[in-house]
Amino acid sequence: MDWAWRVAEEKILEAIDKGEFDNLPGAGKSLKLDDDSMVPEDLRISFRVMKNAGVLPEELQLHKDMISLQDLIDSCQDDQQRMKLSKELSAIRLRYQTLMSQRDWNGSSVFREYEQKVQEKLLSE
């Protein structure tokens, strides 16, 4: 792989000499790096891939759905519709609790802290 590294390095240097990296968006600004220190190490790569693809892990998607449904229930004026939404929310809560128990994350302080950060982010959007 040493030769591939050298080829890549040469191409980068050529591009710099040609000015191809001049005036790029964000030039001179610091990078915004994600803090994934709270994500278990064995899940970081898969979470990163899912994040880049715009996909949430199932437990976070369920949590997001619970927040959305609760907002709908709170603003719903129709009793029948509210009952339907409440049943749907109950089913999602049950799935979430089952998933958390299966993964044995209910007692994990690291996961609770990570979940709290994700919830704050979801609520701020």
N, C-alpha and C. Protein backbone atom coordinates (compact mmCIF):
# COMPACT_ATOMS: atom_id res chain seq x y z
N MET A 1 0.81 -1.20 0.00
CA MET A 1 0.00 0.00 0.00
C MET A 1 0.85 1.26 0.00
N ASP A 2 2.13 1.11 0.24
CA ASP A 2 3.03 2.25 0.29
C ASP A 2 3.03 3.01 -1.04
N TRP A 3 2.94 2.30 -2.15
CA TRP A 3 2.92 2.97 -3.46
C TRP A 3 1.63 3.75 -3.66
N ALA A 4 0.52 3.22 -3.17
CA ALA A 4 -0.76 3.92 -3.31
C ALA A 4 -0.74 5.21 -2.49
N TRP A 5 -0.13 5.15 -1.32
CA TRP A 5 0.00 6.33 -0.47
C TRP A 5 0.80 7.41 -1.18
N ARG A 6 1.88 7.00 -1.82
CA ARG A 6 2.74 7.95 -2.53
C ARG A 6 2.01 8.58 -3.72
N VAL A 7 1.27 7.75 -4.47
CA VAL A 7 0.52 8.27 -5.61
C VAL A 7 -0.51 9.29 -5.14
N ALA A 8 -1.22 8.96 -4.09
CA ALA A 8 -2.23 9.87 -3.55
C ALA A 8 -1.59 11.17 -3.08
N GLU A 9 -0.47 11.04 -2.39
CA GLU A 9 0.24 12.21 -1.88
C GLU A 9 0.70 13.11 -3.03
N GLU A 10 1.20 12.50 -4.11
CA GLU A 10 1.63 13.27 -5.29
C GLU A 10 0.46 13.99 -5.93
N LYS A 11 -0.67 13.31 -6.05
CA LYS A 11 -1.86 13.93 -6.65
C LYS A 11 -2.33 15.12 -5.80
N ILE A 12 -2.28 14.97 -4.51
CA ILE A 12 -2.70 16.06 -3.63
C ILE A 12 -1.76 17.25 -3.79
N LEU A 13 -0.46 16.98 -3.82
CA LEU A 13 0.51 18.07 -3.98
C LEU A 13 0.35 18.77 -5.33
N GLU A 14 0.08 18.00 -6.38
CA GLU A 14 -0.17 18.60 -7.71
C GLU A 14 -1.40 19.50 -7.66
N ALA A 15 -2.45 19.04 -7.01
CA ALA A 15 -3.68 19.84 -6.92
C ALA A 15 -3.44 21.12 -6.13
N ILE A 16 -2.64 21.03 -5.08
CA ILE A 16 -2.30 22.23 -4.30
C ILE A 16 -1.54 23.22 -5.17
N ASP A 17 -0.54 22.72 -5.93
CA ASP A 17 0.25 23.59 -6.81
C ASP A 17 -0.62 24.26 -7.87
N LYS A 18 -1.63 23.55 -8.37
CA LYS A 18 -2.52 24.10 -9.39
C LYS A 18 -3.57 25.05 -8.80
N GLY A 19 -3.65 25.06 -7.46
CA GLY A 19 -4.63 25.94 -6.82
C GLY A 19 -6.03 25.37 -6.77
N GLU A 20 -6.15 24.07 -6.95
CA GLU A 20 -7.47 23.45 -6.97
C GLU A 20 -8.15 23.43 -5.60
N PHE A 21 -7.38 23.65 -4.55
CA PHE A 21 -7.96 23.69 -3.21
C PHE A 21 -8.19 25.11 -2.72
N ASP A 22 -7.87 26.09 -3.55
CA ASP A 22 -8.09 27.48 -3.17
C ASP A 22 -9.58 27.80 -3.22
N ASN A 23 -10.02 28.64 -2.34
CA ASN A 23 -11.40 29.14 -2.32
C ASN A 23 -12.45 28.05 -2.14
N LEU A 24 -12.13 27.01 -1.41
CA LEU A 24 -13.11 25.98 -1.10
C LEU A 24 -14.03 26.49 0.00
N PRO A 25 -15.30 26.06 0.00
CA PRO A 25 -16.21 26.48 1.07
C PRO A 25 -15.64 26.03 2.43
N GLY A 26 -15.66 26.91 3.38
CA GLY A 26 -15.17 26.59 4.72
C GLY A 26 -13.67 26.71 4.87
N ALA A 27 -12.98 27.22 3.86
CA ALA A 27 -11.52 27.35 3.94
C ALA A 27 -11.15 28.25 5.11
N GLY A 28 -10.19 27.81 5.89
CA GLY A 28 -9.71 28.58 7.03
C GLY A 28 -10.55 28.44 8.28
N LYS A 29 -11.65 27.69 8.20
CA LYS A 29 -12.51 27.48 9.37
C LYS A 29 -12.19 26.13 9.98
N SER A 30 -12.39 26.02 11.27
CA SER A 30 -12.12 24.74 11.92
C SER A 30 -13.21 23.73 11.56
N LEU A 31 -12.83 22.47 11.55
CA LEU A 31 -13.76 21.41 11.23
C LEU A 31 -14.71 21.17 12.40
N LYS A 32 -15.94 20.86 12.09
CA LYS A 32 -16.91 20.51 13.14
C LYS A 32 -16.88 18.99 13.26
N LEU A 33 -16.23 18.51 14.30
CA LEU A 33 -16.11 17.07 14.51
C LEU A 33 -17.20 16.59 15.45
N ASP A 34 -17.76 15.42 15.14
CA ASP A 34 -18.78 14.84 15.99
C ASP A 34 -18.12 14.19 17.21
N ASP A 35 -18.73 14.37 18.35
CA ASP A 35 -18.25 13.73 19.56
C ASP A 35 -18.98 12.40 19.71
N ASP A 36 -18.29 11.33 19.41
CA ASP A 36 -18.91 10.01 19.53
C ASP A 36 -18.33 9.23 20.71
N SER A 37 -17.77 9.96 21.67
CA SER A 37 -17.15 9.30 22.82
C SER A 37 -18.16 8.55 23.67
N MET A 38 -19.43 8.93 23.59
CA MET A 38 -20.46 8.26 24.39
C MET A 38 -21.03 7.04 23.69
N VAL A 39 -20.70 6.83 22.43
CA VAL A 39 -21.17 5.67 21.68
C VAL A 39 -20.23 4.50 21.98
N PRO A 40 -20.79 3.34 22.32
CA PRO A 40 -19.91 2.18 22.56
C PRO A 40 -18.99 1.97 21.35
N GLU A 41 -17.73 1.66 21.64
CA GLU A 41 -16.71 1.58 20.59
C GLU A 41 -17.08 0.61 19.47
N ASP A 42 -17.70 -0.50 19.80
CA ASP A 42 -18.05 -1.48 18.78
C ASP A 42 -19.21 -1.03 17.89
N LEU A 43 -19.89 0.04 18.25
CA LEU A 43 -21.01 0.55 17.44
C LEU A 43 -20.67 1.82 16.66
N ARG A 44 -19.51 2.40 16.91
CA ARG A 44 -19.19 3.71 16.32
C ARG A 44 -19.18 3.69 14.80
N ILE A 45 -18.54 2.71 14.21
CA ILE A 45 -18.46 2.68 12.74
C ILE A 45 -19.83 2.51 12.13
N SER A 46 -20.62 1.57 12.67
CA SER A 46 -21.95 1.35 12.09
C SER A 46 -22.84 2.57 12.28
N PHE A 47 -22.73 3.25 13.44
CA PHE A 47 -23.53 4.45 13.66
C PHE A 47 -23.10 5.56 12.71
N ARG A 48 -21.80 5.67 12.45
CA ARG A 48 -21.29 6.69 11.53
C ARG A 48 -21.82 6.45 10.11
N VAL A 49 -21.79 5.18 9.67
CA VAL A 49 -22.30 4.84 8.33
C VAL A 49 -23.78 5.17 8.24
N MET A 50 -24.53 4.80 9.28
CA MET A 50 -25.97 5.07 9.28
C MET A 50 -26.24 6.57 9.30
N LYS A 51 -25.45 7.30 10.07
CA LYS A 51 -25.63 8.76 10.13
C LYS A 51 -25.38 9.39 8.77
N ASN A 52 -24.30 8.97 8.12
CA ASN A 52 -23.98 9.52 6.80
C ASN A 52 -25.03 9.17 5.76
N ALA A 53 -25.73 8.05 5.97
CA ALA A 53 -26.80 7.65 5.06
C ALA A 53 -28.14 8.27 5.45
N GLY A 54 -28.15 9.01 6.55
CA GLY A 54 -29.39 9.65 6.99
C GLY A 54 -30.35 8.68 7.68
N VAL A 55 -29.81 7.60 8.24
CA VAL A 55 -30.63 6.58 8.89
C VAL A 55 -30.33 6.58 10.39
N LEU A 56 -31.37 6.45 11.18
CA LEU A 56 -31.19 6.35 12.63
C LEU A 56 -31.23 4.89 13.05
N PRO A 57 -30.51 4.53 14.11
CA PRO A 57 -30.68 3.19 14.68
C PRO A 57 -32.13 3.01 15.11
N GLU A 58 -32.59 1.78 15.12
CA GLU A 58 -34.01 1.52 15.39
C GLU A 58 -34.49 2.15 16.69
N GLU A 59 -33.69 2.03 17.75
CA GLU A 59 -34.14 2.56 19.04
C GLU A 59 -34.27 4.08 19.00
N LEU A 60 -33.41 4.75 18.25
CA LEU A 60 -33.51 6.21 18.15
C LEU A 60 -34.67 6.62 17.25
N GLN A 61 -34.92 5.86 16.20
CA GLN A 61 -36.07 6.14 15.33
C GLN A 61 -37.36 5.97 16.12
N LEU A 62 -37.43 4.90 16.92
CA LEU A 62 -38.62 4.69 17.76
C LEU A 62 -38.79 5.84 18.74
N HIS A 63 -37.70 6.28 19.32
CA HIS A 63 -37.76 7.41 20.27
C HIS A 63 -38.25 8.67 19.56
N LYS A 64 -37.74 8.91 18.39
CA LYS A 64 -38.17 10.07 17.60
C LYS A 64 -39.66 9.97 17.27
N ASP A 65 -40.10 8.77 16.90
CA ASP A 65 -41.52 8.55 16.59
C ASP A 65 -42.40 8.78 17.82
N MET A 66 -41.90 8.37 18.99
CA MET A 66 -42.68 8.59 20.22
C MET A 66 -42.85 10.09 20.50
N ILE A 67 -41.80 10.85 20.29
CA ILE A 67 -41.87 12.29 20.51
C ILE A 67 -42.87 12.92 19.53
N SER A 68 -42.79 12.52 18.26
CA SER A 68 -43.70 13.07 17.25
C SER A 68 -45.15 12.72 17.55
N LEU A 69 -45.39 11.46 17.91
CA LEU A 69 -46.76 11.04 18.22
C LEU A 69 -47.31 11.77 19.44
N GLN A 70 -46.48 11.96 20.45
CA GLN A 70 -46.94 12.67 21.64
C GLN A 70 -47.31 14.11 21.30
N ASP A 71 -46.53 14.73 20.42
CA ASP A 71 -46.86 16.08 19.97
C ASP A 71 -48.19 16.10 19.23
N LEU A 72 -48.42 15.09 18.39
CA LEU A 72 -49.69 15.00 17.65
C LEU A 72 -50.85 14.81 18.62
N ILE A 73 -50.67 13.94 19.60
CA ILE A 73 -51.73 13.68 20.58
C ILE A 73 -52.05 14.96 21.35
N ASP A 74 -51.02 15.67 21.74
CA ASP A 74 -51.22 16.91 22.51
C ASP A 74 -51.98 17.97 21.73
N SER A 75 -51.84 17.97 20.41
CA SER A 75 -52.51 19.00 19.61
C SER A 75 -53.78 18.49 18.93
N CYS A 76 -54.11 17.23 19.13
CA CYS A 76 -55.27 16.64 18.45
C CYS A 76 -56.58 17.10 19.10
N GLN A 77 -57.56 17.46 18.27
CA GLN A 77 -58.86 17.91 18.75
C GLN A 77 -59.92 16.82 18.66
N ASP A 78 -59.70 15.83 17.79
CA ASP A 78 -60.66 14.75 17.55
C ASP A 78 -60.38 13.59 18.51
N ASP A 79 -61.40 13.22 19.32
CA ASP A 79 -61.21 12.16 20.32
C ASP A 79 -60.88 10.81 19.68
N GLN A 80 -61.52 10.49 18.56
CA GLN A 80 -61.25 9.20 17.90
C GLN A 80 -59.81 9.17 17.36
N GLN A 81 -59.40 10.25 16.77
CA GLN A 81 -58.04 10.33 16.24
C GLN A 81 -57.02 10.27 17.37
N ARG A 82 -57.35 10.95 18.49
CA ARG A 82 -56.44 10.93 19.64
C ARG A 82 -56.30 9.51 20.18
N MET A 83 -57.42 8.76 20.22
CA MET A 83 -57.39 7.38 20.70
C MET A 83 -56.54 6.51 19.77
N LYS A 84 -56.70 6.71 18.48
CA LYS A 84 -55.92 5.95 17.49
C LYS A 84 -54.42 6.24 17.65
N LEU A 85 -54.07 7.51 17.79
CA LEU A 85 -52.68 7.90 17.98
C LEU A 85 -52.11 7.35 19.29
N SER A 86 -52.95 7.34 20.34
CA SER A 86 -52.51 6.82 21.64
C SER A 86 -52.21 5.33 21.55
N LYS A 87 -53.02 4.59 20.82
CA LYS A 87 -52.77 3.16 20.64
C LYS A 87 -51.47 2.94 19.87
N GLU A 88 -51.27 3.76 18.85
CA GLU A 88 -50.04 3.66 18.07
C GLU A 88 -48.81 3.98 18.94
N LEU A 89 -48.94 5.01 19.78
CA LEU A 89 -47.86 5.37 20.69
C LEU A 89 -47.57 4.24 21.67
N SER A 90 -48.59 3.60 22.18
CA SER A 90 -48.41 2.48 23.11
C SER A 90 -47.66 1.33 22.45
N ALA A 91 -48.00 1.06 21.21
CA ALA A 91 -47.33 -0.03 20.48
C ALA A 91 -45.85 0.30 20.27
N ILE A 92 -45.56 1.54 19.94
CA ILE A 92 -44.17 1.95 19.72
C ILE A 92 -43.40 1.92 21.04
N ARG A 93 -44.04 2.37 22.13
CA ARG A 93 -43.37 2.32 23.44
C ARG A 93 -43.04 0.88 23.83
N LEU A 94 -43.98 -0.03 23.57
CA LEU A 94 -43.75 -1.44 23.88
C LEU A 94 -42.58 -1.99 23.06
N ARG A 95 -42.54 -1.67 21.78
CA ARG A 95 -41.43 -2.11 20.93
C ARG A 95 -40.10 -1.55 21.43
N TYR A 96 -40.12 -0.28 21.82
CA TYR A 96 -38.92 0.36 22.33
C TYR A 96 -38.43 -0.31 23.61
N GLN A 97 -39.34 -0.54 24.55
CA GLN A 97 -38.97 -1.18 25.81
C GLN A 97 -38.46 -2.60 25.58
N THR A 98 -39.08 -3.33 24.67
CA THR A 98 -38.63 -4.68 24.35
C THR A 98 -37.23 -4.66 23.76
N LEU A 99 -37.01 -3.75 22.84
CA LEU A 99 -35.70 -3.62 22.20
C LEU A 99 -34.62 -3.27 23.22
N MET A 100 -34.94 -2.36 24.11
CA MET A 100 -33.97 -1.96 25.12
C MET A 100 -33.64 -3.11 26.07
N SER A 101 -34.65 -3.89 26.41
CA SER A 101 -34.41 -5.05 27.28
C SER A 101 -33.58 -6.11 26.57
N GLN A 102 -33.89 -6.36 25.30
CA GLN A 102 -33.14 -7.36 24.54
C GLN A 102 -31.67 -6.98 24.42
N ARG A 103 -31.41 -5.71 24.28
CA ARG A 103 -30.03 -5.24 24.12
C ARG A 103 -29.37 -4.98 25.47
N ASP A 104 -30.13 -5.15 26.54
CA ASP A 104 -29.64 -4.94 27.90
C ASP A 104 -29.05 -3.54 28.07
N TRP A 105 -29.72 -2.56 27.48
CA TRP A 105 -29.26 -1.18 27.55
C TRP A 105 -30.01 -0.39 28.63
N ASN A 106 -31.03 -1.01 29.22
CA ASN A 106 -31.79 -0.29 30.24
C ASN A 106 -30.93 0.13 31.42
N GLY A 107 -29.94 -0.67 31.77
CA GLY A 107 -29.09 -0.36 32.91
C GLY A 107 -27.80 0.35 32.55
N SER A 108 -27.60 0.64 31.28
CA SER A 108 -26.34 1.23 30.84
C SER A 108 -26.36 2.75 31.01
N SER A 109 -25.50 3.25 31.91
CA SER A 109 -25.44 4.69 32.13
C SER A 109 -24.89 5.40 30.89
N VAL A 110 -23.98 4.75 30.18
CA VAL A 110 -23.41 5.33 28.96
C VAL A 110 -24.50 5.52 27.92
N PHE A 111 -25.34 4.49 27.73
CA PHE A 111 -26.41 4.61 26.75
C PHE A 111 -27.42 5.67 27.17
N ARG A 112 -27.76 5.73 28.45
CA ARG A 112 -28.73 6.74 28.90
C ARG A 112 -28.21 8.14 28.63
N GLU A 113 -26.92 8.37 28.86
CA GLU A 113 -26.35 9.69 28.60
C GLU A 113 -26.35 10.00 27.10
N TYR A 114 -26.00 9.00 26.28
CA TYR A 114 -26.03 9.17 24.83
C TYR A 114 -27.46 9.41 24.35
N GLU A 115 -28.39 8.65 24.88
CA GLU A 115 -29.80 8.80 24.51
C GLU A 115 -30.30 10.20 24.85
N GLN A 116 -29.88 10.71 26.00
CA GLN A 116 -30.29 12.05 26.41
C GLN A 116 -29.78 13.10 25.43
N LYS A 117 -28.53 12.96 24.99
CA LYS A 117 -27.97 13.91 24.03
C LYS A 117 -28.73 13.84 22.70
N VAL A 118 -29.06 12.63 22.27
CA VAL A 118 -29.81 12.48 21.02
C VAL A 118 -31.19 13.08 21.16
N GLN A 119 -31.84 12.84 22.30
CA GLN A 119 -33.17 13.39 22.52
C GLN A 119 -33.14 14.92 22.50
N GLU A 120 -32.14 15.51 23.12
CA GLU A 120 -32.01 16.97 23.10
C GLU A 120 -31.87 17.48 21.68
N LYS A 121 -31.09 16.77 20.87
CA LYS A 121 -30.88 17.17 19.48
C LYS A 121 -32.18 17.05 18.70
N LEU A 122 -32.91 15.94 18.90
CA LEU A 122 -34.17 15.74 18.18
C LEU A 122 -35.20 16.80 18.56
N LEU A 123 -35.24 17.14 19.82
CA LEU A 123 -36.22 18.14 20.27
C LEU A 123 -35.87 19.54 19.81
N SER A 124 -34.58 19.79 19.56
CA SER A 124 -34.18 21.12 19.11
C SER A 124 -34.40 21.33 17.63
N GLU A 125 -34.62 20.25 16.87
CA GLU A 125 -34.79 20.37 15.41
C GLU A 125 -36.20 20.80 15.05
